[in-house]
Amino acid sequence: MKRTGLIFLTLCGLLSACKESHKTSPATENLYETLEITLSDRTLTTGYSAAISGVQTVEIRPQVSGMITDILIEEGESVSKDQVLFIIDQTPYKAAYEIAVANVKSAEAALSTAKLIYESNKDLYEQDVVSEFDLMTAQNDLIEAEARLTLCKAEEVNAGNNLSYTEVRSPVNGVASMIPYRVGALVSSSISQPLVTVSDDSRVYAYFSMAENQMLDMVQQYGSLNTAIRQMPEVELIMSNGQMYEHMGKINAISGTISETTGAVSLRAVFSNRNHLLRNGGSGTIIIPSTIEDCIVIPQAATYELQDRVFVYKVVDGKASSTEIRIRPQNNGTEYIVEDGLEVGDVIVAEGAGLIKEGTVIKSKNAAAKEMEGEE
């Protein structure tokens, strides 16, 4: 009998504890994170693959034919404008120049003689000593001598230029590329590979492409293409090793045409490169920021997709109500900016939207927590 009474008291105690637990621990199966819609600002970034080029890249080719007799630079060396880089065999060009100089002197002498003869014949003609034919012949000889001198001087200039071209100089400041030729190689202006490429990389250009619709959005945001170029924020560059480049850049050119093959617009950003970290021919990723003010921002976890349409669950009279929304294509990977479908003050389920059904009773976790605090 005593044992039966003890069991009865134990069961009563357990039932009482369960009732107490039911009072203080609400059911959790319908508790959800909710979010009340407000306005906020967001800065989003978009990345574009970019090709890097020096602000001026020049392929240096010889202007005369001949054998390379000297290479005066090292591969990868910094060079300055007008610095001599290569010397092509000068012997034949020096000889041609000396011949041209001699021809000029000869032509000058011939011209001087022709002038003397003409002046002499002119005086003799006035004295009726020589005929008009002799005078005209002397005059023609003078004209021919003048023309000959002009021709010889032009040949002298041409020979001098050819001789100067045997010293191949850099037209710009920059950094030399690898050199595919060696001393003794026979080169000409028609060689397939340049002697060297010199790139001025004190600044570099980063060329990238943007879809037509993105470019139109940007132009509409700023009002015009020129205004967009002036007012667009500075951009960043992620280098090919994944590290962020230390200097900010500026977009300074947008193509006026759209590629017929890709439907994209080409843009160019310029970056300072005083430490020569970036090299001509390199690659990277341009990061363009854009700030959207007074927008509706929701977690991506609050959405679900159905046939390429995006939905959220509004909390209406305590129940989940499926609502289609329109989001901005650009996002930061964790949030969406809502362009249509929600208004300030709406309450939505903030996470797990894909696990909820229409009409599910929704109780906010925050509200449940407050209730528990009140009961305590």
Protein backbone atom coordinates (compact mmCIF):
# COMPACT_ATOMS: atom_id res chain seq x y z
CA MET A 1 0.00 0.00 0.00
CA LYS A 2 2.78 2.42 0.89
CA ARG A 3 4.54 1.55 -2.37
CA THR A 4 1.38 2.32 -4.42
CA GLY A 5 1.03 5.72 -2.74
CA LEU A 6 4.68 6.57 -3.42
CA ILE A 7 4.26 5.79 -7.16
CA PHE A 8 1.11 7.95 -7.27
CA LEU A 9 2.90 10.92 -5.67
CA THR A 10 5.83 10.55 -8.10
CA LEU A 11 3.50 10.59 -11.13
CA CYS A 12 1.72 13.67 -9.82
CA GLY A 13 5.08 15.42 -9.42
CA LEU A 14 6.13 14.61 -12.96
CA LEU A 15 2.82 15.87 -14.40
CA SER A 16 3.14 19.06 -12.42
CA ALA A 17 6.71 19.60 -13.71
CA CYS A 18 5.58 19.02 -17.29
CA LYS A 19 2.78 21.59 -16.91
CA GLU A 20 5.23 24.08 -15.43
CA SER A 21 7.68 23.42 -18.26
CA HIS A 22 4.88 23.93 -20.80
CA LYS A 23 4.13 27.31 -19.30
CA THR A 24 7.71 28.59 -19.34
CA SER A 25 9.00 27.02 -22.59
CA PRO A 26 6.75 27.85 -25.59
CA ALA A 27 6.77 25.45 -28.54
CA THR A 28 9.58 26.18 -30.96
CA GLU A 29 8.23 24.59 -34.11
CA ASN A 30 6.59 27.85 -35.33
CA LEU A 31 9.22 30.32 -34.10
CA TYR A 32 10.93 32.21 -36.93
CA GLU A 33 13.32 35.09 -37.35
CA THR A 34 11.35 38.02 -38.71
CA LEU A 35 12.38 41.36 -40.13
CA GLU A 36 10.52 44.63 -40.29
CA ILE A 37 11.25 46.47 -43.53
CA THR A 38 13.09 49.79 -43.21
CA LEU A 39 15.18 51.97 -45.53
CA SER A 40 18.95 51.95 -45.46
CA ASP A 41 22.01 52.71 -47.63
CA ARG A 42 24.24 50.12 -49.26
CA THR A 43 27.50 50.25 -51.20
CA LEU A 44 27.77 47.36 -53.64
CA THR A 45 30.80 46.33 -55.64
CA THR A 46 31.05 44.64 -59.02
CA GLY A 47 34.15 42.98 -60.46
CA TYR A 48 35.24 43.02 -64.11
CA SER A 49 38.15 41.12 -65.64
CA ALA A 50 40.76 43.58 -66.91
CA ALA A 51 43.83 43.54 -69.17
CA ILE A 52 46.69 45.79 -68.06
CA SER A 53 48.75 47.87 -70.44
CA GLY A 54 51.34 50.60 -70.03
CA VAL A 55 50.09 54.06 -70.95
CA GLN A 56 52.42 53.89 -73.94
CA THR A 57 53.76 50.66 -75.39
CA VAL A 58 56.01 50.85 -78.44
CA GLU A 59 57.31 48.01 -80.60
CA ILE A 60 60.76 49.11 -81.77
CA ARG A 61 61.78 47.93 -85.24
CA PRO A 62 64.79 48.91 -87.35
CA GLN A 63 64.31 51.42 -90.15
CA VAL A 64 67.29 50.12 -92.12
CA SER A 65 68.57 46.66 -92.95
CA GLY A 66 71.77 45.23 -91.61
CA MET A 67 73.49 43.10 -89.01
CA ILE A 68 73.21 43.93 -85.32
CA THR A 69 76.71 44.82 -84.13
CA ASP A 70 75.88 45.87 -80.57
CA ILE A 71 73.07 45.59 -78.01
CA LEU A 72 73.35 48.34 -75.42
CA ILE A 73 70.58 47.39 -72.97
CA GLU A 74 69.71 44.48 -70.73
CA GLU A 75 66.37 42.72 -70.93
CA GLY A 76 63.87 44.23 -68.49
CA GLU A 77 66.02 47.34 -68.02
CA SER A 78 64.53 50.81 -67.59
CA VAL A 79 65.34 52.98 -70.58
CA SER A 80 64.93 56.68 -71.28
CA LYS A 81 63.72 58.54 -74.32
CA ASP A 82 66.38 58.83 -77.12
CA GLN A 83 68.64 56.27 -75.43
CA VAL A 84 70.54 54.12 -77.96
CA LEU A 85 69.39 50.50 -77.64
CA PHE A 86 70.91 48.74 -80.67
CA ILE A 87 73.56 49.49 -83.27
CA ILE A 88 73.22 48.10 -86.78
CA ASP A 89 76.34 47.71 -88.96
CA GLN A 90 77.20 51.30 -89.92
CA THR A 91 79.95 50.63 -92.51
CA PRO A 92 77.81 50.69 -95.70
CA TYR A 93 75.74 53.63 -94.45
CA LYS A 94 78.82 55.67 -93.56
CA ALA A 95 80.19 55.04 -97.06
CA ALA A 96 76.89 56.07 -98.64
CA TYR A 97 76.84 59.22 -96.56
CA GLU A 98 80.41 60.15 -97.52
CA ILE A 99 79.54 59.64 -101.20
CA ALA A 100 76.50 61.86 -100.78
CA VAL A 101 78.62 64.59 -99.14
CA ALA A 102 81.15 64.37 -101.99
CA ASN A 103 78.38 64.60 -104.58
CA VAL A 104 77.10 67.77 -102.92
CA LYS A 105 80.55 69.36 -103.09
CA SER A 106 80.88 68.34 -106.73
CA ALA A 107 77.46 69.75 -107.53
CA GLU A 108 78.31 73.00 -105.75
CA ALA A 109 81.47 73.32 -107.86
CA ALA A 110 79.55 72.57 -111.06
CA LEU A 111 76.96 75.17 -110.11
CA SER A 112 79.65 77.76 -109.47
CA THR A 113 81.18 77.05 -112.90
CA ALA A 114 77.78 77.23 -114.57
CA LYS A 115 77.16 80.62 -112.98
CA LEU A 116 80.52 81.95 -114.22
CA ILE A 117 79.85 80.72 -117.76
CA TYR A 118 76.36 82.19 -117.80
CA GLU A 119 77.54 85.58 -116.51
CA SER A 120 80.38 85.59 -119.05
CA ASN A 121 78.09 84.67 -121.94
CA LYS A 122 75.61 87.28 -120.82
CA ASP A 123 78.26 90.02 -121.09
CA LEU A 124 79.51 88.68 -124.41
CA TYR A 125 75.96 88.53 -125.77
CA GLU A 126 75.45 92.18 -124.93
CA GLN A 127 78.62 92.90 -126.92
CA ASP A 128 77.36 90.73 -129.81
CA VAL A 129 80.31 88.35 -129.37
CA VAL A 130 78.21 85.23 -128.75
CA SER A 131 74.86 84.24 -130.11
CA GLU A 132 71.58 83.99 -128.24
CA PHE A 133 71.85 80.21 -128.59
CA ASP A 134 75.10 80.23 -126.61
CA LEU A 135 73.51 82.42 -123.93
CA MET A 136 70.44 80.16 -123.60
CA THR A 137 72.65 77.08 -123.49
CA ALA A 138 74.66 78.59 -120.62
CA GLN A 139 71.43 79.49 -118.81
CA ASN A 140 70.10 75.91 -119.17
CA ASP A 141 73.39 74.54 -117.88
CA LEU A 142 73.02 76.81 -114.84
CA ILE A 143 69.47 75.59 -114.17
CA GLU A 144 70.61 71.97 -114.52
CA ALA A 145 73.51 72.59 -112.10
CA GLU A 146 71.11 74.09 -109.54
CA ALA A 147 68.80 71.09 -109.86
CA ARG A 148 71.72 68.72 -109.55
CA LEU A 149 72.84 70.42 -106.35
CA THR A 150 69.30 70.20 -104.91
CA LEU A 151 69.19 66.49 -105.75
CA CYS A 152 72.59 65.84 -104.18
CA LYS A 153 71.59 67.67 -101.00
CA ALA A 154 68.44 65.55 -100.73
CA GLU A 155 70.52 62.41 -101.18
CA GLU A 156 72.89 63.66 -98.49
CA VAL A 157 69.98 64.15 -96.09
CA ASN A 158 68.64 60.68 -96.90
CA ALA A 159 72.07 59.09 -96.43
CA GLY A 160 72.51 60.96 -93.14
CA ASN A 161 69.12 59.74 -91.93
CA ASN A 162 69.94 56.15 -92.86
CA LEU A 163 73.22 56.44 -91.00
CA SER A 164 71.42 57.80 -87.93
CA TYR A 165 68.91 54.93 -88.13
CA THR A 166 71.75 52.47 -87.53
CA GLU A 167 71.53 53.68 -83.92
CA VAL A 168 68.15 52.36 -82.82
CA ARG A 169 66.84 54.65 -80.08
CA SER A 170 63.93 54.44 -77.67
CA PRO A 171 61.13 56.90 -78.51
CA VAL A 172 59.74 56.82 -74.96
CA ASN A 173 60.70 56.32 -71.33
CA GLY A 174 59.84 52.86 -70.12
CA VAL A 175 60.89 49.30 -69.41
CA ALA A 176 62.36 47.01 -72.06
CA SER A 177 60.87 43.63 -72.82
CA MET A 178 62.83 40.46 -73.59
CA ILE A 179 65.05 40.71 -76.68
CA PRO A 180 64.57 37.98 -79.32
CA TYR A 181 67.70 38.95 -81.30
CA ARG A 182 71.42 38.75 -80.59
CA VAL A 183 74.55 40.37 -81.98
CA GLY A 184 75.11 39.11 -85.51
CA ALA A 185 71.43 38.74 -86.39
CA LEU A 186 70.39 40.19 -89.74
CA VAL A 187 67.36 42.49 -89.34
CA SER A 188 65.23 44.78 -91.45
CA SER A 189 62.08 46.87 -91.19
CA SER A 190 59.99 43.84 -92.18
CA ILE A 191 61.06 41.52 -89.31
CA SER A 192 58.19 39.57 -87.75
CA GLN A 193 59.20 40.32 -84.17
CA PRO A 194 60.28 43.76 -82.95
CA LEU A 195 63.82 44.24 -81.71
CA VAL A 196 62.33 45.08 -78.31
CA THR A 197 59.13 46.46 -76.84
CA VAL A 198 59.38 49.45 -74.53
CA SER A 199 56.46 50.09 -72.21
CA ASP A 200 55.99 53.30 -70.26
CA ASP A 201 54.46 51.86 -67.09
CA SER A 202 54.78 54.84 -64.74
CA ARG A 203 51.01 54.67 -65.12
CA VAL A 204 49.01 51.74 -66.42
CA TYR A 205 45.69 51.36 -68.15
CA ALA A 206 43.27 48.61 -67.14
CA TYR A 207 40.90 47.78 -70.00
CA PHE A 208 37.66 45.98 -69.21
CA SER A 209 34.18 45.46 -70.63
CA MET A 210 30.72 46.14 -69.23
CA ALA A 211 27.38 44.83 -70.48
CA GLU A 212 25.29 47.33 -72.40
CA ASN A 213 22.49 47.37 -69.83
CA GLN A 214 24.95 48.05 -67.01
CA MET A 215 26.45 50.93 -68.95
CA LEU A 216 22.99 52.38 -69.61
CA ASP A 217 22.13 52.14 -65.91
CA MET A 218 25.33 54.00 -65.09
CA VAL A 219 24.72 56.74 -67.66
CA GLN A 220 21.14 57.21 -66.47
CA GLN A 221 22.35 57.40 -62.88
CA TYR A 222 24.76 60.26 -63.67
CA GLY A 223 22.79 61.94 -66.45
CA SER A 224 25.32 61.69 -69.29
CA LEU A 225 28.41 59.82 -70.39
CA ASN A 226 30.78 62.73 -69.72
CA THR A 227 29.24 63.35 -66.31
CA ALA A 228 29.59 59.65 -65.48
CA ILE A 229 33.31 59.76 -66.32
CA ARG A 230 33.82 62.86 -64.13
CA GLN A 231 31.73 61.78 -61.15
CA MET A 232 32.20 58.02 -60.98
CA PRO A 233 33.93 56.96 -57.75
CA GLU A 234 37.47 55.70 -57.71
CA VAL A 235 37.91 52.01 -58.47
CA GLU A 236 40.13 49.31 -57.03
CA LEU A 237 42.20 46.63 -58.71
CA ILE A 238 42.63 43.05 -57.53
CA MET A 239 45.91 41.79 -58.95
CA SER A 240 46.34 38.35 -60.49
CA ASN A 241 47.72 37.00 -57.19
CA GLY A 242 44.47 37.88 -55.44
CA GLN A 243 45.93 40.84 -53.53
CA MET A 244 44.40 44.31 -53.63
CA TYR A 245 46.56 46.87 -55.42
CA GLU A 246 47.64 49.66 -53.09
CA HIS A 247 46.58 52.61 -55.29
CA MET A 248 43.06 53.56 -56.30
CA GLY A 249 42.30 54.15 -59.97
CA LYS A 250 39.96 56.31 -61.99
CA ILE A 251 37.84 55.45 -65.02
CA ASN A 252 38.85 58.00 -67.66
CA ALA A 253 37.45 56.64 -70.91
CA ILE A 254 34.33 54.82 -72.10
CA SER A 255 33.98 53.54 -75.65
CA GLY A 256 31.44 55.34 -77.80
CA THR A 257 30.44 52.12 -79.56
CA ILE A 258 29.09 48.74 -78.52
CA SER A 259 30.77 45.56 -79.73
CA GLU A 260 28.56 43.80 -82.27
CA THR A 261 29.96 40.40 -81.29
CA THR A 262 29.78 40.65 -77.49
CA GLY A 263 27.23 43.42 -76.91
CA ALA A 264 29.64 44.96 -74.39
CA VAL A 265 31.14 48.40 -73.93
CA SER A 266 34.87 48.88 -73.37
CA LEU A 267 36.09 51.05 -70.49
CA ARG A 268 39.52 52.15 -69.35
CA ALA A 269 40.78 52.90 -65.85
CA VAL A 270 44.15 54.48 -65.11
CA PHE A 271 46.33 53.64 -62.09
CA SER A 272 49.55 55.12 -60.78
CA ASN A 273 52.40 52.61 -60.97
CA ARG A 274 55.39 54.40 -59.48
CA ASN A 275 56.74 51.21 -57.95
CA HIS A 276 56.38 49.35 -61.30
CA LEU A 277 54.49 46.52 -59.64
CA LEU A 278 52.03 46.25 -62.51
CA ARG A 279 53.43 45.23 -65.88
CA ASN A 280 52.28 45.62 -69.44
CA GLY A 281 50.36 42.52 -70.56
CA GLY A 282 49.22 41.63 -67.02
CA SER A 283 45.69 40.98 -65.83
CA GLY A 284 43.49 41.73 -62.85
CA THR A 285 39.96 42.50 -61.72
CA ILE A 286 38.50 46.00 -61.59
CA ILE A 287 36.21 46.60 -58.59
CA ILE A 288 33.60 49.32 -59.12
CA PRO A 289 31.61 50.51 -56.08
CA SER A 290 28.08 51.90 -56.33
CA THR A 291 26.10 53.45 -53.47
CA ILE A 292 22.32 53.08 -53.31
CA GLU A 293 20.58 55.36 -50.82
CA ASP A 294 17.23 54.82 -49.06
CA CYS A 295 16.73 51.31 -50.37
CA ILE A 296 15.04 48.19 -49.00
CA VAL A 297 17.59 45.54 -48.08
CA ILE A 298 16.71 41.98 -47.10
CA PRO A 299 18.80 38.84 -46.41
CA GLN A 300 19.08 36.40 -49.30
CA ALA A 301 18.02 33.70 -46.84
CA ALA A 302 14.63 35.40 -46.68
CA THR A 303 13.90 34.57 -50.33
CA TYR A 304 13.16 31.57 -52.46
CA GLU A 305 12.96 31.19 -56.23
CA LEU A 306 10.28 29.63 -58.37
CA GLN A 307 10.58 29.58 -62.17
CA ASP A 308 13.13 32.42 -62.16
CA ARG A 309 10.89 34.54 -59.94
CA VAL A 310 11.88 35.59 -56.43
CA PHE A 311 9.51 35.42 -53.47
CA VAL A 312 9.44 36.21 -49.76
CA TYR A 313 6.95 35.39 -47.06
CA LYS A 314 5.21 38.37 -45.56
CA VAL A 315 3.74 37.94 -42.11
CA VAL A 316 0.05 38.87 -42.52
CA ASP A 317 -2.27 38.35 -39.54
CA GLY A 318 0.32 36.04 -38.02
CA LYS A 319 0.54 33.77 -41.05
CA ALA A 320 3.01 33.39 -43.94
CA SER A 321 1.83 34.98 -47.18
CA SER A 322 3.93 34.39 -50.31
CA THR A 323 4.82 37.64 -52.09
CA GLU A 324 6.75 38.09 -55.33
CA ILE A 325 9.48 40.75 -55.30
CA ARG A 326 11.78 42.32 -57.87
CA ILE A 327 15.40 42.57 -56.85
CA ARG A 328 18.37 44.52 -58.15
CA PRO A 329 20.66 42.21 -60.19
CA GLN A 330 23.72 43.53 -58.37
CA ASN A 331 24.20 42.20 -54.81
CA ASN A 332 26.89 41.65 -52.21
CA GLY A 333 26.42 37.89 -51.93
CA THR A 334 24.43 37.94 -48.67
CA GLU A 335 21.72 40.55 -49.24
CA TYR A 336 19.31 41.67 -51.94
CA ILE A 337 18.14 45.19 -52.69
CA VAL A 338 14.40 45.06 -53.33
CA GLU A 339 13.11 47.34 -56.08
CA ASP A 340 9.44 46.32 -55.95
CA GLY A 341 7.09 44.13 -53.91
CA LEU A 342 7.82 45.33 -50.36
CA GLU A 343 7.12 48.53 -48.48
CA VAL A 344 8.47 50.10 -45.32
CA GLY A 345 6.72 48.57 -42.30
CA ASP A 346 6.11 45.17 -43.87
CA VAL A 347 7.26 42.19 -41.78
CA ILE A 348 8.83 39.20 -43.51
CA VAL A 349 10.30 35.88 -42.47
CA ALA A 350 14.03 36.59 -42.40
CA GLU A 351 15.40 33.07 -42.88
CA GLY A 352 14.41 29.58 -43.96
CA ALA A 353 11.88 30.81 -46.51
CA GLY A 354 12.34 27.65 -48.58
CA LEU A 355 11.06 25.50 -45.69
CA ILE A 356 7.83 27.42 -45.08
CA LYS A 357 4.43 26.81 -46.65
CA GLU A 358 1.68 29.26 -47.46
CA GLY A 359 -0.45 29.93 -44.39
CA THR A 360 2.10 28.68 -41.86
CA VAL A 361 1.51 30.26 -38.48
CA ILE A 362 4.46 32.55 -37.81
CA LYS A 363 5.54 33.59 -34.38
CA SER A 364 8.57 35.83 -34.09
CA LYS A 365 11.48 34.54 -32.06
CA ASN A 366 11.93 38.04 -30.68
CA ALA A 367 8.31 38.19 -29.53
CA ALA A 368 8.63 34.75 -27.93
CA ALA A 369 11.76 35.82 -26.11
CA LYS A 370 9.99 38.89 -24.74
CA GLU A 371 7.10 36.73 -23.53
CA MET A 372 9.47 34.45 -21.67
CA GLU A 373 11.17 37.45 -20.08
CA GLY A 374 7.75 38.73 -18.98
CA GLU A 375 6.77 35.43 -17.39
CA GLU A 376 10.03 35.33 -15.46
